Amino acid sequence: MAKTKYLNLRNLPFLEQDFWYATMKGYEPEVDSEGNLTGDDVITYNPPVHAKARIGFTQYYDADTAFTKGVVHNRAISSVTKFPIDEYTVLWIDVEPVINQDGTTDTEPDYHCVAYRNDIHRNVWAIRKREGYEGNKG
C-alpha cells in the first residue's frame, strides 16, 4: 500500500514570511561617551539569524488560546520548526536588518518576544512592538 502525502496547512511555504531574530548573548558593563563605567549593565545579543514562519496578528491567535489572557502581544509567529526564541530575544519583522561585515547589525529591532509555547504539533511565539522603536513615529 502506497503512503499518502497529506497537505500540511500549518507549514505551507507561501504563507511564510521572512524575519530575523537575535538571541541574548549576555550582559556587559555600560560605558559612557568618555569611556567611564556607569555601573549599569547592558544586554548584548548574538548576530541576527534569518528565518521564515507564519506571522499573524493577535486576533487570529486569541481564538486559539495559545497563551494565557495576561500576555499582551501585537502579533504571533507560528511554525512547525522550533527556533531558539525566548523572552530575551529581539526580532526584526517589519524591517530588514542591515548586516555588517562581522555579522552584527546597527538596525534597531522592532519587536521582542513576550511568551512562547512549544508543543508536538506547532510552536507559537507572542511578540510585541518594542516601546521607543523609531518606526512607531508617524
Protein backbone atom coordinates (compact mmCIF):
# COMPACT_ATOMS: atom_id res chain seq x y z
CA MET A 1 0.00 0.00 0.00
CA ALA A 2 1.44 3.34 -1.04
CA LYS A 3 1.93 6.06 1.54
CA THR A 4 -0.32 9.07 1.08
CA LYS A 5 1.16 12.53 1.45
CA TYR A 6 -1.13 14.85 3.34
CA LEU A 7 -1.23 18.57 2.75
CA ASN A 8 0.20 20.27 5.83
CA LEU A 9 -1.61 23.62 6.09
CA ARG A 10 0.42 24.69 9.11
CA ASN A 11 3.66 24.99 7.18
CA LEU A 12 2.89 25.94 3.57
CA PRO A 13 5.87 27.85 2.15
CA PHE A 14 3.78 30.58 0.51
CA LEU A 15 2.29 31.50 3.91
CA GLU A 16 5.70 32.05 5.46
CA GLN A 17 7.26 35.47 5.90
CA ASP A 18 10.93 36.39 6.28
CA PHE A 19 12.07 37.66 9.66
CA TRP A 20 15.26 37.89 11.70
CA TYR A 21 15.88 37.20 15.37
CA ALA A 22 18.78 37.67 17.77
CA THR A 23 19.09 35.71 20.98
CA MET A 24 20.56 37.20 24.13
CA LYS A 25 24.33 36.77 24.46
CA GLY A 26 24.75 38.16 27.97
CA TYR A 27 25.45 41.33 29.93
CA GLU A 28 28.32 43.78 29.55
CA PRO A 29 29.22 46.79 31.68
CA GLU A 30 27.84 50.03 30.25
CA VAL A 31 30.42 52.64 29.26
CA ASP A 32 29.59 56.34 28.80
CA SER A 33 30.84 58.56 25.94
CA GLU A 34 34.03 59.34 27.86
CA GLY A 35 34.91 55.69 28.37
CA ASN A 36 33.96 55.51 32.05
CA LEU A 37 31.93 52.68 33.55
CA THR A 38 28.44 53.80 34.55
CA GLY A 39 27.81 50.94 36.98
CA ASP A 40 24.93 49.59 34.87
CA ASP A 41 24.89 46.55 32.64
CA VAL A 42 23.54 46.41 29.08
CA ILE A 43 22.20 43.34 27.31
CA THR A 44 24.21 42.13 24.33
CA TYR A 45 22.80 39.99 21.54
CA ASN A 46 24.16 37.41 19.13
CA PRO A 47 24.21 38.29 15.41
CA PRO A 48 20.77 38.21 13.71
CA VAL A 49 19.60 34.93 12.21
CA HIS A 50 17.29 34.77 9.18
CA ALA A 51 14.19 32.58 9.42
CA LYS A 52 10.80 32.02 7.77
CA ALA A 53 7.49 31.37 9.52
CA ARG A 54 3.85 32.40 9.57
CA ILE A 55 3.40 35.78 11.24
CA GLY A 56 -0.13 36.79 12.08
CA PHE A 57 -1.99 39.36 14.09
CA THR A 58 -3.23 38.82 17.63
CA GLN A 59 -6.90 38.35 16.74
CA TYR A 60 -6.10 35.13 14.89
CA TYR A 61 -4.30 33.58 17.84
CA ASP A 62 -6.62 34.81 20.63
CA ALA A 63 -9.28 32.37 19.49
CA ASP A 64 -6.63 29.67 19.52
CA THR A 65 -5.92 30.24 23.24
CA ALA A 66 -2.22 29.52 22.83
CA PHE A 67 -1.35 31.95 25.63
CA THR A 68 -2.89 32.99 28.90
CA LYS A 69 -5.06 36.10 28.91
CA GLY A 70 -2.39 38.11 30.77
CA VAL A 71 0.05 38.07 27.83
CA VAL A 72 -0.15 41.37 25.93
CA HIS A 73 1.09 40.99 22.36
CA ASN A 74 0.54 42.56 18.96
CA ARG A 75 1.40 39.65 16.71
CA ALA A 76 2.33 35.98 16.85
CA ILE A 77 4.77 33.76 15.00
CA SER A 78 3.69 30.19 14.24
CA SER A 79 5.79 27.38 12.78
CA VAL A 80 6.33 23.66 12.92
CA THR A 81 10.06 24.48 13.10
CA LYS A 82 11.38 25.14 16.59
CA PHE A 83 13.50 28.30 16.75
CA PRO A 84 15.57 29.20 19.86
CA ILE A 85 13.36 32.24 20.53
CA ASP A 86 12.57 33.07 24.17
CA GLU A 87 11.58 36.11 26.24
CA TYR A 88 15.06 37.62 25.85
CA THR A 89 15.01 37.54 22.04
CA VAL A 90 14.60 40.61 19.80
CA LEU A 91 13.14 40.40 16.29
CA TRP A 92 13.08 42.29 13.02
CA ILE A 93 9.64 41.74 11.48
CA ASP A 94 8.65 44.92 9.60
CA VAL A 95 12.25 45.97 8.88
CA GLU A 96 15.18 44.10 7.38
CA PRO A 97 18.40 44.48 9.38
CA VAL A 98 21.49 45.64 7.52
CA ILE A 99 24.13 43.06 8.40
CA ASN A 100 27.70 44.37 8.86
CA GLN A 101 30.84 42.50 7.75
CA ASP A 102 31.26 40.98 11.24
CA GLY A 103 27.69 39.66 11.29
CA THR A 104 26.33 42.30 13.68
CA THR A 105 23.76 44.95 12.83
CA ASP A 106 23.11 48.56 13.73
CA THR A 107 19.45 48.29 12.70
CA GLU A 108 17.20 48.58 15.73
CA PRO A 109 14.87 45.57 16.23
CA ASP A 110 11.17 46.42 16.09
CA TYR A 111 9.70 43.51 18.12
CA HIS A 112 10.57 41.39 21.14
CA CYS A 113 9.20 38.05 22.32
CA VAL A 114 6.91 38.15 25.36
CA ALA A 115 5.87 34.49 25.57
CA TYR A 116 6.27 31.23 23.72
CA ARG A 117 4.59 27.87 23.63
CA ASN A 118 6.04 24.78 22.02
CA ASP A 119 4.19 21.52 21.64
CA ILE A 120 4.28 18.43 19.47
CA HIS A 121 2.30 19.97 16.58
CA ARG A 122 3.49 23.57 16.38
CA ASN A 123 5.47 26.33 18.03
CA VAL A 124 3.97 29.75 18.73
CA TRP A 125 5.69 32.92 19.94
CA ALA A 126 3.80 36.01 21.13
CA ILE A 127 5.64 39.15 20.08
CA ARG A 128 5.10 42.81 20.92
CA LYS A 129 6.25 46.02 19.23
CA ARG A 130 9.15 47.50 21.20
CA GLU A 131 8.46 50.75 23.05
CA GLY A 132 10.61 53.61 21.85
CA TYR A 133 11.16 51.98 18.46
CA GLU A 134 11.69 54.77 15.91
CA GLY A 135 9.43 53.03 13.42
CA ASN A 136 6.47 53.81 15.73
CA LYS A 137 6.74 57.51 14.96
CA GLY A 138 4.49 58.87 12.21
